[in-house]
Amino acid sequence: MSVLGPALGKSPRELNRPMMALKRAGRVPSVGQRAQTRYYPAAVRSSASAS
């Protein structure tokens, strides 16, 4: 959050609640704990395999 916050014009604290909601929904996987947490975009599922 300390890297993303300034890029978005927000403080890391302001981004905490929205990021937790995304993590719970499974949209943003994370690795690490506390200040060392890294966030990654979730893999996009292809709709081509459904046809």
PDB file of N, CA and C in Angstrom:
ATOM      1  N   MET A   1       0.811  -1.183   0.000  1.00  0.00           N
ATOM      2  CA  MET A   1       0.000   0.000   0.000  1.00  0.00           C
ATOM      3  C   MET A   1       0.860   1.256   0.000  1.00  0.00           C
ATOM      4  N   SER A   2       2.062   1.163   0.554  1.00  0.00           N
ATOM      5  CA  SER A   2       2.918   2.351   0.586  1.00  0.00           C
ATOM      6  C   SER A   2       3.396   2.736  -0.814  1.00  0.00           C
ATOM      7  N   VAL A   3       3.381   1.803  -1.752  1.00  0.00           N
ATOM      8  CA  VAL A   3       3.749   2.105  -3.134  1.00  0.00           C
ATOM      9  C   VAL A   3       2.513   2.537  -3.926  1.00  0.00           C
ATOM     10  N   LEU A   4       1.406   1.832  -3.739  1.00  0.00           N
ATOM     11  CA  LEU A   4       0.186   2.136  -4.483  1.00  0.00           C
ATOM     12  C   LEU A   4      -0.475   3.434  -4.022  1.00  0.00           C
ATOM     13  N   GLY A   5      -0.436   3.702  -2.731  1.00  0.00           N
ATOM     14  CA  GLY A   5      -1.107   4.873  -2.174  1.00  0.00           C
ATOM     15  C   GLY A   5      -0.727   6.181  -2.839  1.00  0.00           C
ATOM     16  N   PRO A   6       0.559   6.541  -2.838  1.00  0.00           N
ATOM     17  CA  PRO A   6       0.949   7.810  -3.473  1.00  0.00           C
ATOM     18  C   PRO A   6       0.633   7.846  -4.976  1.00  0.00           C
ATOM     19  N   ALA A   7       0.733   6.718  -5.642  1.00  0.00           N
ATOM     20  CA  ALA A   7       0.424   6.682  -7.079  1.00  0.00           C
ATOM     21  C   ALA A   7      -1.055   6.976  -7.331  1.00  0.00           C
ATOM     22  N   LEU A   8      -1.906   6.627  -6.366  1.00  0.00           N
ATOM     23  CA  LEU A   8      -3.345   6.860  -6.492  1.00  0.00           C
ATOM     24  C   LEU A   8      -3.801   8.136  -5.781  1.00  0.00           C
ATOM     25  N   GLY A   9      -2.866   8.807  -5.110  1.00  0.00           N
ATOM     26  CA  GLY A   9      -3.221  10.020  -4.389  1.00  0.00           C
ATOM     27  C   GLY A   9      -3.955   9.735  -3.093  1.00  0.00           C
ATOM     28  N   LYS A  10      -3.752   8.561  -2.526  1.00  0.00           N
ATOM     29  CA  LYS A  10      -4.405   8.161  -1.271  1.00  0.00           C
ATOM     30  C   LYS A  10      -3.345   7.720  -0.273  1.00  0.00           C
ATOM     31  N   SER A  11      -3.701   7.733   1.002  1.00  0.00           N
ATOM     32  CA  SER A  11      -2.789   7.206   2.010  1.00  0.00           C
ATOM     33  C   SER A  11      -2.958   5.686   2.069  1.00  0.00           C
ATOM     34  N   PRO A  12      -1.920   4.970   2.513  1.00  0.00           N
ATOM     35  CA  PRO A  12      -2.052   3.517   2.645  1.00  0.00           C
ATOM     36  C   PRO A  12      -3.225   3.123   3.555  1.00  0.00           C
ATOM     37  N   ARG A  13      -3.495   3.916   4.550  1.00  0.00           N
ATOM     38  CA  ARG A  13      -4.600   3.624   5.470  1.00  0.00           C
ATOM     39  C   ARG A  13      -5.953   3.698   4.762  1.00  0.00           C
ATOM     40  N   GLU A  14      -6.105   4.649   3.830  1.00  0.00           N
ATOM     41  CA  GLU A  14      -7.359   4.782   3.080  1.00  0.00           C
ATOM     42  C   GLU A  14      -7.604   3.586   2.162  1.00  0.00           C
ATOM     43  N   LEU A  15      -6.548   2.928   1.732  1.00  0.00           N
ATOM     44  CA  LEU A  15      -6.670   1.802   0.804  1.00  0.00           C
ATOM     45  C   LEU A  15      -6.847   0.465   1.521  1.00  0.00           C
ATOM     46  N   ASN A  16      -6.682   0.447   2.823  1.00  0.00           N
ATOM     47  CA  ASN A  16      -6.742  -0.812   3.563  1.00  0.00           C
ATOM     48  C   ASN A  16      -8.095  -1.510   3.437  1.00  0.00           C
ATOM     49  N   ARG A  17      -9.174  -0.813   3.698  1.00  0.00           N
ATOM     50  CA  ARG A  17     -10.499  -1.441   3.674  1.00  0.00           C
ATOM     51  C   ARG A  17     -10.890  -1.933   2.274  1.00  0.00           C
ATOM     52  N   PRO A  18     -10.705  -1.125   1.210  1.00  0.00           N
ATOM     53  CA  PRO A  18     -11.032  -1.640  -0.126  1.00  0.00           C
ATOM     54  C   PRO A  18     -10.181  -2.857  -0.511  1.00  0.00           C
ATOM     55  N   MET A  19      -8.900  -2.867  -0.112  1.00  0.00           N
ATOM     56  CA  MET A  19      -8.030  -4.001  -0.446  1.00  0.00           C
ATOM     57  C   MET A  19      -8.460  -5.253   0.301  1.00  0.00           C
ATOM     58  N   MET A  20      -8.884  -5.113   1.534  1.00  0.00           N
ATOM     59  CA  MET A  20      -9.352  -6.279   2.297  1.00  0.00           C
ATOM     60  C   MET A  20     -10.601  -6.864   1.651  1.00  0.00           C
ATOM     61  N   ALA A  21     -11.483  -6.024   1.145  1.00  0.00           N
ATOM     62  CA  ALA A  21     -12.685  -6.515   0.464  1.00  0.00           C
ATOM     63  C   ALA A  21     -12.311  -7.276  -0.805  1.00  0.00           C
ATOM     64  N   LEU A  22     -11.342  -6.771  -1.556  1.00  0.00           N
ATOM     65  CA  LEU A  22     -10.890  -7.460  -2.769  1.00  0.00           C
ATOM     66  C   LEU A  22     -10.225  -8.793  -2.432  1.00  0.00           C
ATOM     67  N   LYS A  23      -9.461  -8.837  -1.352  1.00  0.00           N
ATOM     68  CA  LYS A  23      -8.820 -10.093  -0.935  1.00  0.00           C
ATOM     69  C   LYS A  23      -9.868 -11.126  -0.537  1.00  0.00           C
ATOM     70  N   ARG A  24     -10.876 -10.713   0.225  1.00  0.00           N
ATOM     71  CA  ARG A  24     -11.937 -11.645   0.637  1.00  0.00           C
ATOM     72  C   ARG A  24     -12.708 -12.183  -0.550  1.00  0.00           C
ATOM     73  N   ALA A  25     -12.887 -11.364  -1.578  1.00  0.00           N
ATOM     74  CA  ALA A  25     -13.621 -11.775  -2.775  1.00  0.00           C
ATOM     75  C   ALA A  25     -12.767 -12.659  -3.687  1.00  0.00           C
ATOM     76  N   GLY A  26     -11.476 -12.790  -3.375  1.00  0.00           N
ATOM     77  CA  GLY A  26     -10.601 -13.620  -4.183  1.00  0.00           C
ATOM     78  C   GLY A  26     -10.105 -12.935  -5.446  1.00  0.00           C
ATOM     79  N   ARG A  27     -10.265 -11.631  -5.513  1.00  0.00           N
ATOM     80  CA  ARG A  27      -9.868 -10.898  -6.716  1.00  0.00           C
ATOM     81  C   ARG A  27      -8.425 -10.439  -6.673  1.00  0.00           C
ATOM     82  N   VAL A  28      -7.812 -10.385  -5.462  1.00  0.00           N
ATOM     83  CA  VAL A  28      -6.432  -9.946  -5.325  1.00  0.00           C
ATOM     84  C   VAL A  28      -5.713 -10.872  -4.356  1.00  0.00           C
ATOM     85  N   PRO A  29      -4.934 -11.818  -4.868  1.00  0.00           N
ATOM     86  CA  PRO A  29      -4.142 -12.665  -3.971  1.00  0.00           C
ATOM     87  C   PRO A  29      -2.962 -11.863  -3.405  1.00  0.00           C
ATOM     88  N   SER A  30      -2.506 -12.241  -2.230  1.00  0.00           N
ATOM     89  CA  SER A  30      -1.388 -11.540  -1.617  1.00  0.00           C
ATOM     90  C   SER A  30      -0.401 -12.548  -1.041  1.00  0.00           C
ATOM     91  N   VAL A  31       0.837 -12.084  -0.879  1.00  0.00           N
ATOM     92  CA  VAL A  31       1.904 -12.896  -0.316  1.00  0.00           C
ATOM     93  C   VAL A  31       2.625 -12.037   0.708  1.00  0.00           C
ATOM     94  N   GLY A  32       2.898 -12.585   1.877  1.00  0.00           N
ATOM     95  CA  GLY A  32       3.620 -11.854   2.911  1.00  0.00           C
ATOM     96  C   GLY A  32       2.695 -11.401   4.024  1.00  0.00           C
ATOM     97  N   GLN A  33       3.298 -10.724   4.983  1.00  0.00           N
ATOM     98  CA  GLN A  33       2.536 -10.249   6.128  1.00  0.00           C
ATOM     99  C   GLN A  33       2.864  -8.797   6.410  1.00  0.00           C
ATOM    100  N   ARG A  34       1.894  -8.085   6.904  1.00  0.00           N
ATOM    101  CA  ARG A  34       2.006  -6.701   7.340  1.00  0.00           C
ATOM    102  C   ARG A  34       2.697  -5.812   6.312  1.00  0.00           C
ATOM    103  N   ALA A  35       3.807  -5.179   6.656  1.00  0.00           N
ATOM    104  CA  ALA A  35       4.461  -4.220   5.763  1.00  0.00           C
ATOM    105  C   ALA A  35       5.125  -4.897   4.562  1.00  0.00           C
ATOM    106  N   GLN A  36       5.323  -6.203   4.626  1.00  0.00           N
ATOM    107  CA  GLN A  36       5.985  -6.924   3.545  1.00  0.00           C
ATOM    108  C   GLN A  36       5.002  -7.566   2.566  1.00  0.00           C
ATOM    109  N   THR A  37       3.718  -7.245   2.668  1.00  0.00           N
ATOM    110  CA  THR A  37       2.709  -7.858   1.811  1.00  0.00           C
ATOM    111  C   THR A  37       2.830  -7.357   0.385  1.00  0.00           C
ATOM    112  N   ARG A  38       2.771  -8.285  -0.552  1.00  0.00           N
ATOM    113  CA  ARG A  38       2.770  -7.958  -1.983  1.00  0.00           C
ATOM    114  C   ARG A  38       1.451  -8.441  -2.556  1.00  0.00           C
ATOM    115  N   TYR A  39       0.851  -7.635  -3.406  1.00  0.00           N
ATOM    116  CA  TYR A  39      -0.440  -7.950  -4.002  1.00  0.00           C
ATOM    117  C   TYR A  39      -0.268  -8.213  -5.486  1.00  0.00           C
ATOM    118  N   TYR A  40      -1.015  -9.182  -5.990  1.00  0.00           N
ATOM    119  CA  TYR A  40      -0.940  -9.578  -7.390  1.00  0.00           C
ATOM    120  C   TYR A  40      -2.337  -9.597  -7.991  1.00  0.00           C
ATOM    121  N   PRO A  41      -2.468  -9.300  -9.268  1.00  0.00           N
ATOM    122  CA  PRO A  41      -3.784  -9.423  -9.902  1.00  0.00           C
ATOM    123  C   PRO A  41      -4.175 -10.892  -9.988  1.00  0.00           C
ATOM    124  N   ALA A  42      -5.431 -11.178  -9.803  1.00  0.00           N
ATOM    125  CA  ALA A  42      -5.915 -12.554  -9.904  1.00  0.00           C
ATOM    126  C   ALA A  42      -5.867 -12.987 -11.361  1.00  0.00           C
ATOM    127  N   ALA A  43      -5.666 -14.273 -11.580  1.00  0.00           N
ATOM    128  CA  ALA A  43      -5.638 -14.806 -12.947  1.00  0.00           C
ATOM    129  C   ALA A  43      -7.017 -14.687 -13.553  1.00  0.00           C
ATOM    130  N   VAL A  44      -7.058 -14.252 -14.786  1.00  0.00           N
ATOM    131  CA  VAL A  44      -8.319 -14.109 -15.509  1.00  0.00           C
ATOM    132  C   VAL A  44      -8.667 -15.441 -16.142  1.00  0.00           C
ATOM    133  N   ARG A  45      -9.873 -15.883 -15.917  1.00  0.00           N
ATOM    134  CA  ARG A  45     -10.318 -17.162 -16.496  1.00  0.00           C
ATOM    135  C   ARG A  45     -10.786 -16.933 -17.918  1.00  0.00           C
ATOM    136  N   SER A  46     -10.381 -17.800 -18.777  1.00  0.00           N
ATOM    137  CA  SER A  46     -10.758 -17.695 -20.189  1.00  0.00           C
ATOM    138  C   SER A  46     -12.140 -18.301 -20.408  1.00  0.00           C
ATOM    139  N   SER A  47     -12.993 -17.599 -21.148  1.00  0.00           N
ATOM    140  CA  SER A  47     -14.307 -18.121 -21.456  1.00  0.00           C
ATOM    141  C   SER A  47     -14.256 -19.073 -22.643  1.00  0.00           C
ATOM    142  N   ALA A  48     -13.112 -19.145 -23.342  1.00  0.00           N
ATOM    143  CA  ALA A  48     -12.959 -20.022 -24.497  1.00  0.00           C
ATOM    144  C   ALA A  48     -13.006 -21.494 -24.089  1.00  0.00           C
ATOM    145  N   SER A  49     -12.591 -21.805 -22.874  1.00  0.00           N
ATOM    146  CA  SER A  49     -12.587 -23.193 -22.428  1.00  0.00           C
ATOM    147  C   SER A  49     -14.009 -23.687 -22.146  1.00  0.00           C
ATOM    148  N   ALA A  50     -14.963 -22.787 -21.981  1.00  0.00           N
ATOM    149  CA  ALA A  50     -16.338 -23.164 -21.695  1.00  0.00           C
ATOM    150  C   ALA A  50     -17.109 -23.551 -22.957  1.00  0.00           C
ATOM    151  N   SER A  51     -16.563 -23.228 -24.145  1.00  0.00           N
ATOM    152  CA  SER A  51     -17.306 -23.512 -25.367  1.00  0.00           C
ATOM    153  C   SER A  51     -16.926 -24.792 -26.023  1.00  0.00           C
TER     154      SER A  51
END
